[in-house]
Amino acid sequence: MSLDLAKLRALQKQAGRSDAMATERPARERDAASATAFAGPRRALPAAPMLDAATAAASLAAVPDTAAPTANAAAASATHRVAAVADASGADAIFGPDGLAPSRPQRTDLDALRRLIALRERKPAGAATPAPRAPSAGARDRAPTARALAHTATPVHAPALRDRPIDRSLPGEEIAPGLHLIQAHLPLPGPREALSLAFAKRPDECLDPRRLLFFDTETTGLAGGTGTRAFMIGAADWHDDPALGDGLRIRQLMISTLSAEAAMLREFARWLAPDTVLSSYNGRCYDAPLLNTRYRLARIANPLSGLDHVDLLFPARRLYRGVWENCRLATLERELLRILREDDLPGSQAPAAWLQFLRGGSSALLRRVAAHNHQDVVTLAELMQRLVLAYAQAQAEAALQES
C-alpha cells in the first residue's frame, strides 16, 4: 500500500515537472536563439524527460485495487496533466519555435483615420442638449388660437430679393447721354427791392435779386483735389415763368456716367451771364474751386472766373457765432428759418450713393441725394433774405442804444 502510494506520488511529481518544462521550453528556446545571435553558440541545457499518455496509463494500471478510490482520482488527474503535456509538445506547430504567433504586416487603415478625425471634429458627446422648455399657462391658452390662425391663413410667398428688379430710374429728363435735368418751380416770389450787401461787409452796394444764382454741388468726395468730381450741380434763382408765374426756379444737373461730365459743365455754363452774382454756403472755398478745376481738366472755358460771389457762411458766423452749437447750414435751417428736414440723406453719404449707382445698384439713394441738394439751394435763397433783414435789425438796435 505504501509502495503503491509512493509510486503514485512519484508519477504526479514527474507529471508536474513535465508540464512546467513544456511551458518554459518556448521561452528558453527564444532566449537561446537571442543569445546565439549576439554572443555566439551556447551549450543547450539538458531537457527533462517527458512522458507520453501511454506510459502513464500503463504505470497507473499496475496500482492494486485496494487503493482504488484514491488511486483512480489521482490517476485521472495525472492523465489530464500528461495529456496537457502532450498537447503542449505540439504547440510548436501552431505558435512557431519561439512560442509566438507569426506576425502579419499591418496596413494603415485610411478609412479608420478619417472616421477618427471626423469624430474629433464633431460636437462632444458630453455636451448636453438643452431640454425644451415647457410652455407657460398663457402660451398653452393661446396655442389653439395660433394654430387655428395658421390653418386658416393663406400663405403669402414674397419673391426673393434676387428676383426683384433693381430700380435704376432717375428723376428728371435726360437731355444728353448720361445727363439728367431736374426742374421745379416754387411759388416764392423774389424781393421787390434791391438787397443790401451790408451784411457781407459791402455797405455801399445793393444787388438786384434777379441776378443772384444760388448753387451747390454734390461731389464724389469731401477732401477736394483733382480726383474729386461733381456729379450734381443744383442752382436756384428768382424767375418769372410765363406759365407758372413769379417764383423760385430750381434746376439740377446730374450725371449717371463719368463721360457725361463735360456735357454737364457746358450746360451749367449756359445758365451764367456776365452779370450773374453767385451765392453759396462755403462755396467760395470748396464748390467754386472744384468747378474751376473740372473746367480746366475738361478744356472748357471757365464761366466762373470774373463773376461776383457772395458766400453766406461768413456773415452767418459773424451774426450767430456762439448763439447756437455751430453755424452749419442744417443748424441755421432749424434755428433761424424753422425748417426741419424729414428723411434727409446727409451730404456725407452722397459719394457712396452715387458710386453704388455706378456699380449697378439701385437709384433710391441717388434720388434722396437729389432731394437733399434741392433743399440746400432753396434754403440759400431764404437765408439770403433773412441775413439781410437780421443785419438791418441789428444796425437799428445799435443806433437806438447809441442815441
Protein backbone atom coordinates (compact mmCIF):
# COMPACT_ATOMS: atom_id res chain seq x y z
CA MET A 1 0.00 0.00 0.00
CA SER A 2 2.73 2.40 0.96
CA LEU A 3 4.78 1.36 -2.05
CA ASP A 4 1.89 1.97 -4.38
CA LEU A 5 1.23 5.40 -2.88
CA ALA A 6 4.88 6.28 -3.22
CA LYS A 7 4.81 5.32 -6.91
CA LEU A 8 1.67 7.42 -7.40
CA ARG A 9 3.28 10.47 -5.82
CA ALA A 10 6.36 9.99 -7.97
CA LEU A 11 4.19 9.84 -11.06
CA GLN A 12 2.35 13.01 -10.02
CA LYS A 13 5.58 14.86 -9.35
CA GLN A 14 7.06 13.72 -12.63
CA ALA A 15 3.93 14.82 -14.50
CA GLY A 16 4.08 18.27 -12.85
CA ARG A 17 7.72 18.70 -13.86
CA SER A 18 6.92 17.71 -17.41
CA ASP A 19 4.08 20.28 -17.54
CA ALA A 20 6.33 23.05 -16.26
CA MET A 21 9.11 22.13 -18.67
CA ALA A 22 6.69 22.12 -21.58
CA THR A 23 5.53 25.61 -20.59
CA GLU A 24 9.04 27.00 -20.14
CA ARG A 25 10.51 25.35 -23.22
CA PRO A 26 9.44 28.01 -25.80
CA ALA A 27 10.83 30.80 -23.60
CA ARG A 28 14.17 29.02 -23.16
CA GLU A 29 14.46 28.35 -26.85
CA ARG A 30 13.70 32.03 -27.64
CA ASP A 31 16.31 33.20 -25.14
CA ALA A 32 18.81 30.72 -26.54
CA ALA A 33 18.21 31.99 -30.07
CA SER A 34 18.73 35.62 -28.96
CA ALA A 35 21.90 34.70 -27.07
CA THR A 36 23.23 32.79 -30.07
CA ALA A 37 22.66 35.81 -32.30
CA PHE A 38 24.57 38.19 -30.02
CA ALA A 39 27.08 36.06 -28.06
CA GLY A 40 27.74 33.04 -30.25
CA PRO A 41 26.83 29.40 -29.69
CA ARG A 42 25.96 28.19 -26.22
CA ARG A 43 25.52 24.70 -24.90
CA ALA A 44 21.88 23.80 -24.54
CA LEU A 45 20.55 22.69 -21.18
CA PRO A 46 19.51 19.05 -20.90
CA ALA A 47 15.82 18.67 -21.37
CA ALA A 48 13.82 16.90 -18.74
CA PRO A 49 12.38 13.52 -19.71
CA MET A 50 8.84 13.72 -20.98
CA LEU A 51 6.14 11.13 -20.51
CA ASP A 52 3.54 10.32 -23.01
CA ALA A 53 -0.04 9.30 -22.28
CA ALA A 54 0.55 5.53 -22.96
CA THR A 55 3.37 5.20 -20.46
CA ALA A 56 1.41 6.98 -17.75
CA ALA A 57 -1.61 4.75 -18.34
CA ALA A 58 0.50 1.58 -18.12
CA SER A 59 2.05 2.70 -14.86
CA LEU A 60 -1.30 3.51 -13.36
CA ALA A 61 -2.68 0.15 -14.41
CA ALA A 62 -0.23 -1.58 -12.05
CA VAL A 63 -1.77 0.05 -8.97
CA PRO A 64 -3.73 -2.57 -6.89
CA ASP A 65 -7.44 -2.26 -6.29
CA THR A 66 -7.04 -1.80 -2.55
CA ALA A 67 -6.39 1.84 -3.10
CA ALA A 68 -8.88 2.14 -5.93
CA PRO A 69 -10.82 5.23 -4.79
CA THR A 70 -7.81 7.35 -4.10
CA ALA A 71 -5.69 5.92 -6.85
CA ASN A 72 -8.35 6.32 -9.51
CA ALA A 73 -8.88 10.01 -8.70
CA ALA A 74 -5.14 10.65 -8.69
CA ALA A 75 -4.70 8.70 -11.91
CA ALA A 76 -7.39 10.74 -13.62
CA SER A 77 -5.68 13.96 -12.56
CA ALA A 78 -2.31 12.66 -13.72
CA THR A 79 -3.77 11.52 -17.02
CA HIS A 80 -5.21 15.02 -17.58
CA ARG A 81 -1.86 16.60 -16.88
CA VAL A 82 0.02 14.21 -19.13
CA ALA A 83 -2.45 14.95 -21.92
CA ALA A 84 -1.82 18.66 -21.40
CA VAL A 85 1.92 17.99 -21.65
CA ALA A 86 1.40 16.04 -24.87
CA ASP A 87 -0.68 18.86 -26.28
CA ALA A 88 1.97 21.35 -25.27
CA SER A 89 4.59 19.34 -27.16
CA GLY A 90 2.70 20.05 -30.36
CA ALA A 91 2.39 23.78 -29.71
CA ASP A 92 5.44 24.44 -31.84
CA ALA A 93 3.46 23.54 -34.90
CA ILE A 94 0.88 26.20 -34.06
CA PHE A 95 2.83 29.09 -32.49
CA GLY A 96 6.22 28.51 -34.11
CA PRO A 97 9.53 27.73 -32.50
CA ASP A 98 9.57 30.97 -30.49
CA GLY A 99 6.18 30.39 -28.89
CA LEU A 100 4.65 33.43 -30.63
CA ALA A 101 2.16 33.63 -33.39
CA PRO A 102 3.73 34.68 -36.69
CA SER A 103 3.24 38.43 -37.13
CA ARG A 104 1.39 39.75 -40.14
CA PRO A 105 2.22 43.10 -41.75
CA GLN A 106 -0.26 45.70 -40.54
CA ARG A 107 -1.77 48.03 -43.13
CA THR A 108 -2.70 51.59 -42.30
CA ASP A 109 -6.46 51.89 -42.40
CA LEU A 110 -7.12 55.28 -44.02
CA ASP A 111 -10.86 54.94 -43.56
CA ALA A 112 -10.39 54.45 -39.83
CA LEU A 113 -8.18 57.55 -39.64
CA ARG A 114 -10.76 59.58 -41.49
CA ARG A 115 -13.50 58.39 -39.17
CA LEU A 116 -11.35 59.31 -36.16
CA ILE A 117 -10.71 62.81 -37.48
CA ALA A 118 -14.38 63.32 -38.25
CA LEU A 119 -15.29 62.10 -34.79
CA ARG A 120 -12.97 64.64 -33.19
CA GLU A 121 -14.44 67.47 -35.21
CA ARG A 122 -17.95 66.65 -34.12
CA LYS A 123 -19.64 68.18 -31.16
CA PRO A 124 -18.54 66.48 -27.91
CA ALA A 125 -20.89 63.77 -26.87
CA GLY A 126 -20.89 65.08 -23.33
CA ALA A 127 -22.45 68.38 -24.34
CA ALA A 128 -25.94 68.30 -23.05
CA THR A 129 -28.72 69.45 -25.34
CA PRO A 130 -30.95 71.96 -23.60
CA ALA A 131 -34.24 70.43 -22.82
CA PRO A 132 -37.27 72.13 -24.38
CA ARG A 133 -38.97 74.49 -22.02
CA ALA A 134 -42.48 73.68 -21.03
CA PRO A 135 -44.95 76.26 -22.35
CA SER A 136 -46.40 78.57 -19.79
CA ALA A 137 -50.04 78.63 -18.90
CA GLY A 138 -50.65 81.71 -21.03
CA ALA A 139 -48.87 80.16 -24.00
CA ARG A 140 -50.95 76.99 -23.68
CA ASP A 141 -54.07 79.08 -23.67
CA ARG A 142 -53.01 80.99 -26.76
CA ALA A 143 -51.73 77.97 -28.65
CA PRO A 144 -55.08 76.78 -30.05
CA THR A 145 -55.85 80.24 -31.41
CA ALA A 146 -52.44 80.46 -33.05
CA ARG A 147 -52.84 77.03 -34.63
CA ALA A 148 -56.29 77.90 -35.88
CA LEU A 149 -54.99 81.09 -37.47
CA ALA A 150 -52.12 79.18 -39.04
CA HIS A 151 -54.54 76.75 -40.67
CA THR A 152 -56.93 79.41 -41.89
CA ALA A 153 -54.40 81.98 -43.10
CA THR A 154 -53.35 81.82 -46.74
CA PRO A 155 -49.56 81.65 -47.08
CA VAL A 156 -48.08 84.56 -48.96
CA HIS A 157 -44.76 83.83 -50.61
CA ALA A 158 -42.76 87.01 -51.06
CA PRO A 159 -40.45 86.96 -54.08
CA ALA A 160 -36.78 86.53 -53.35
CA LEU A 161 -34.67 89.65 -53.23
CA ARG A 162 -32.55 88.49 -56.13
CA ASP A 163 -35.68 88.04 -58.25
CA ARG A 164 -36.82 91.62 -57.74
CA PRO A 165 -35.78 94.04 -60.49
CA ILE A 166 -33.41 96.80 -59.38
CA ASP A 167 -34.93 100.27 -59.62
CA ARG A 168 -32.41 102.40 -61.54
CA SER A 169 -34.79 105.10 -62.69
CA LEU A 170 -33.59 108.68 -62.26
CA PRO A 171 -35.70 111.80 -61.87
CA GLY A 172 -35.86 114.48 -64.50
CA GLU A 173 -35.25 114.44 -68.23
CA GLU A 174 -32.19 113.07 -69.98
CA ILE A 175 -31.06 115.97 -72.13
CA ALA A 176 -27.80 114.32 -73.20
CA PRO A 177 -26.34 110.79 -72.91
CA GLY A 178 -25.92 110.27 -69.18
CA LEU A 179 -27.01 113.84 -68.25
CA HIS A 180 -30.32 114.41 -66.47
CA LEU A 181 -32.04 117.77 -65.91
CA ILE A 182 -34.40 118.10 -62.94
CA GLN A 183 -36.57 121.23 -62.81
CA ALA A 184 -39.00 122.56 -60.21
CA HIS A 185 -40.83 125.80 -59.55
CA LEU A 186 -41.79 127.05 -56.07
CA PRO A 187 -44.27 129.88 -55.51
CA LEU A 188 -41.78 132.02 -53.59
CA PRO A 189 -41.77 135.46 -55.19
CA GLY A 190 -38.49 137.28 -55.09
CA PRO A 191 -37.86 140.56 -53.24
CA ARG A 192 -39.27 143.64 -54.92
CA GLU A 193 -36.41 145.85 -53.82
CA ALA A 194 -32.67 145.57 -54.19
CA LEU A 195 -30.88 143.67 -51.48
CA SER A 196 -28.25 145.46 -49.45
CA LEU A 197 -24.91 143.71 -49.15
CA ALA A 198 -24.03 145.46 -45.91
CA PHE A 199 -24.28 142.12 -44.06
CA ALA A 200 -21.38 140.88 -46.26
CA LYS A 201 -19.23 143.92 -45.31
CA ARG A 202 -20.17 145.72 -48.52
CA PRO A 203 -22.31 148.55 -47.08
CA ASP A 204 -22.34 150.69 -50.18
CA GLU A 205 -23.56 148.01 -52.56
CA CYS A 206 -27.04 146.83 -53.43
CA LEU A 207 -27.96 143.87 -55.55
CA ASP A 208 -30.82 143.10 -57.91
CA PRO A 209 -32.32 139.79 -56.69
CA ARG A 210 -32.83 138.63 -60.29
CA ARG A 211 -29.08 138.50 -60.79
CA LEU A 212 -28.50 136.07 -57.95
CA LEU A 213 -27.82 132.40 -58.65
CA PHE A 214 -27.69 130.17 -55.58
CA PHE A 215 -25.74 126.99 -56.29
CA ASP A 216 -24.50 123.90 -54.52
CA THR A 217 -22.67 120.78 -55.70
CA GLU A 218 -22.65 117.12 -54.71
CA THR A 219 -19.26 115.53 -55.24
CA THR A 220 -17.53 112.16 -55.18
CA GLY A 221 -15.53 113.14 -52.09
CA LEU A 222 -15.26 115.76 -49.42
CA ALA A 223 -11.49 116.27 -49.46
CA GLY A 224 -11.40 118.07 -52.81
CA GLY A 225 -8.46 117.83 -55.16
CA THR A 226 -8.02 116.83 -58.77
CA GLY A 227 -9.59 113.40 -58.37
CA THR A 228 -12.84 114.73 -56.90
CA ARG A 229 -15.70 115.21 -59.35
CA ALA A 230 -19.03 116.98 -59.10
CA PHE A 231 -21.75 114.57 -60.17
CA MET A 232 -24.59 117.01 -59.39
CA ILE A 233 -24.95 120.79 -59.63
CA GLY A 234 -28.03 122.47 -58.21
CA ALA A 235 -28.99 126.09 -58.83
CA ALA A 236 -31.90 128.34 -57.83
CA ASP A 237 -32.88 131.81 -58.98
CA TRP A 238 -35.94 134.01 -58.95
CA HIS A 239 -37.65 133.71 -62.28
CA ASP A 240 -40.91 134.94 -63.73
CA ASP A 241 -42.26 131.97 -65.62
CA PRO A 242 -44.98 132.72 -68.23
CA ALA A 243 -46.99 129.66 -67.24
CA LEU A 244 -46.23 129.31 -63.55
CA GLY A 245 -45.76 132.96 -62.59
CA ASP A 246 -43.11 134.55 -60.41
CA GLY A 247 -41.30 132.23 -58.09
CA LEU A 248 -38.13 130.37 -57.31
CA ARG A 249 -36.84 128.20 -60.13
CA ILE A 250 -34.75 125.16 -59.18
CA ARG A 251 -32.65 123.39 -61.78
CA GLN A 252 -30.40 120.43 -61.12
CA LEU A 253 -27.92 118.67 -63.38
CA MET A 254 -26.99 115.08 -62.54
CA ILE A 255 -24.73 112.72 -64.46
CA SER A 256 -25.17 108.94 -64.44
CA THR A 257 -21.90 108.20 -66.27
CA LEU A 258 -18.43 109.67 -65.99
CA SER A 259 -18.41 110.54 -69.69
CA ALA A 260 -21.30 113.00 -69.20
CA GLU A 261 -19.28 115.38 -67.03
CA ALA A 262 -18.28 117.64 -69.94
CA ALA A 263 -21.90 117.98 -71.07
CA MET A 264 -22.90 118.93 -67.53
CA LEU A 265 -20.21 121.62 -67.34
CA ARG A 266 -21.29 123.10 -70.67
CA GLU A 267 -24.96 123.15 -69.65
CA PHE A 268 -24.15 124.87 -66.36
CA ALA A 269 -22.10 127.48 -68.25
CA ARG A 270 -25.23 128.39 -70.26
CA TRP A 271 -27.02 129.29 -67.04
CA LEU A 272 -24.49 132.01 -66.24
CA ALA A 273 -24.44 135.53 -67.57
CA PRO A 274 -21.65 138.10 -67.30
CA ASP A 275 -23.58 139.99 -64.60
CA THR A 276 -24.59 136.88 -62.59
CA VAL A 277 -23.80 137.00 -58.86
CA LEU A 278 -23.10 133.61 -57.36
CA SER A 279 -24.22 132.80 -53.85
CA SER A 280 -23.38 129.69 -51.83
CA TYR A 281 -22.60 128.40 -48.35
CA ASN A 282 -18.85 127.86 -48.12
CA GLY A 283 -18.80 127.67 -51.92
CA ARG A 284 -16.02 130.23 -52.23
CA CYS A 285 -13.66 127.77 -50.54
CA TYR A 286 -14.99 124.45 -51.85
CA ASP A 287 -17.58 124.42 -54.66
CA ALA A 288 -16.15 127.17 -56.86
CA PRO A 289 -12.51 125.93 -56.76
CA LEU A 290 -13.72 122.41 -57.50
CA LEU A 291 -15.66 123.54 -60.58
CA ASN A 292 -12.71 125.64 -61.72
CA THR A 293 -10.55 122.52 -61.66
CA ARG A 294 -13.10 120.43 -63.56
CA TYR A 295 -13.46 123.11 -66.27
CA ARG A 296 -9.70 123.27 -66.62
CA LEU A 297 -9.33 119.48 -66.91
CA ALA A 298 -12.19 119.29 -69.43
CA ARG A 299 -10.50 122.04 -71.53
CA ILE A 300 -13.63 124.19 -71.37
CA ALA A 301 -13.59 127.93 -70.82
CA ASN A 302 -14.28 128.63 -67.17
CA PRO A 303 -17.50 130.68 -66.87
CA LEU A 304 -16.99 131.25 -63.13
CA SER A 305 -13.91 133.37 -63.49
CA GLY A 306 -14.67 137.06 -63.03
CA LEU A 307 -18.12 136.53 -61.50
CA ASP A 308 -19.08 138.11 -58.19
CA HIS A 309 -19.57 135.66 -55.34
CA VAL A 310 -21.43 136.20 -52.05
CA ASP A 311 -20.63 133.45 -49.59
CA LEU A 312 -23.26 133.30 -46.82
CA LEU A 313 -21.14 131.28 -44.39
CA PHE A 314 -19.01 134.17 -43.18
CA PRO A 315 -21.87 136.64 -42.47
CA ALA A 316 -23.75 133.86 -40.65
CA ARG A 317 -20.73 133.25 -38.42
CA ARG A 318 -20.39 136.91 -37.57
CA LEU A 319 -24.04 137.18 -36.60
CA TYR A 320 -24.65 133.87 -34.83
CA ARG A 321 -21.31 132.63 -33.55
CA GLY A 322 -21.83 131.40 -30.00
CA VAL A 323 -25.63 131.65 -30.27
CA TRP A 324 -26.03 128.01 -31.36
CA GLU A 325 -23.74 125.00 -31.13
CA ASN A 326 -22.39 125.60 -34.65
CA CYS A 327 -23.11 127.51 -37.84
CA ARG A 328 -23.78 124.63 -40.16
CA LEU A 329 -26.47 125.10 -42.79
CA ALA A 330 -28.69 122.46 -41.14
CA THR A 331 -28.42 124.32 -37.81
CA LEU A 332 -29.41 127.65 -39.38
CA GLU A 333 -32.34 125.95 -41.11
CA ARG A 334 -33.63 124.61 -37.83
CA GLU A 335 -32.96 127.55 -35.54
CA LEU A 336 -33.29 130.57 -37.82
CA LEU A 337 -35.59 129.50 -40.65
CA ARG A 338 -37.59 126.92 -38.65
CA ILE A 339 -37.14 124.33 -41.39
CA LEU A 340 -36.97 120.72 -40.29
CA ARG A 341 -35.97 118.16 -42.88
CA GLU A 342 -37.60 114.73 -42.87
CA ASP A 343 -35.88 111.59 -44.14
CA ASP A 344 -32.92 113.64 -45.28
CA LEU A 345 -29.78 111.91 -46.52
CA PRO A 346 -26.68 113.63 -45.09
CA GLY A 347 -24.35 115.15 -47.64
CA SER A 348 -21.51 112.98 -46.37
CA GLN A 349 -23.30 109.91 -47.77
CA ALA A 350 -23.74 111.37 -51.25
CA PRO A 351 -20.44 110.00 -52.65
CA ALA A 352 -21.29 106.44 -51.60
CA ALA A 353 -24.80 106.72 -53.08
CA TRP A 354 -23.51 107.79 -56.49
CA LEU A 355 -20.74 105.17 -56.59
CA GLN A 356 -23.27 102.48 -55.68
CA PHE A 357 -25.40 103.53 -58.65
CA LEU A 358 -22.39 103.45 -60.99
CA ARG A 359 -21.64 99.87 -59.90
CA GLY A 360 -25.11 98.73 -60.91
CA GLY A 361 -27.00 99.39 -57.69
CA SER A 362 -30.36 100.97 -57.06
CA SER A 363 -31.04 104.66 -57.64
CA ALA A 364 -33.08 105.06 -54.43
CA LEU A 365 -30.26 106.74 -52.51
CA LEU A 366 -29.35 108.87 -55.51
CA ARG A 367 -32.89 110.26 -55.61
CA ARG A 368 -32.55 111.18 -51.93
CA VAL A 369 -29.31 112.99 -52.79
CA ALA A 370 -31.21 115.00 -55.38
CA ALA A 371 -33.84 115.90 -52.78
CA HIS A 372 -31.10 116.97 -50.35
CA ASN A 373 -29.49 119.19 -52.98
CA HIS A 374 -32.89 120.67 -53.87
CA GLN A 375 -33.48 121.73 -50.27
CA ASP A 376 -29.98 123.19 -49.98
CA VAL A 377 -30.46 125.72 -52.78
CA VAL A 378 -33.95 126.64 -51.54
CA THR A 379 -32.50 127.29 -48.08
CA LEU A 380 -29.81 129.53 -49.58
CA ALA A 381 -32.43 131.75 -51.17
CA GLU A 382 -34.35 132.11 -47.91
CA LEU A 383 -31.19 132.54 -45.85
CA MET A 384 -30.01 135.44 -48.01
CA GLN A 385 -33.18 137.39 -47.28
CA ARG A 386 -33.07 136.54 -43.56
CA LEU A 387 -29.45 137.66 -43.21
CA VAL A 388 -30.25 140.97 -44.92
CA LEU A 389 -33.14 141.53 -42.51
CA ALA A 390 -31.19 140.39 -39.43
CA TYR A 391 -28.30 142.73 -40.18
CA ALA A 392 -30.65 145.69 -40.71
CA GLN A 393 -32.34 144.96 -37.36
CA ALA A 394 -29.00 144.71 -35.60
CA GLN A 395 -27.94 148.07 -37.03
CA ALA A 396 -31.20 149.70 -35.95
CA GLU A 397 -30.82 148.37 -32.39
CA ALA A 398 -27.26 149.62 -32.23
CA ALA A 399 -28.34 153.09 -33.39
CA LEU A 400 -31.05 153.21 -30.70
CA GLN A 401 -28.56 152.27 -28.00
CA GLU A 402 -26.15 154.99 -29.11
CA SER A 403 -28.88 157.61 -29.11
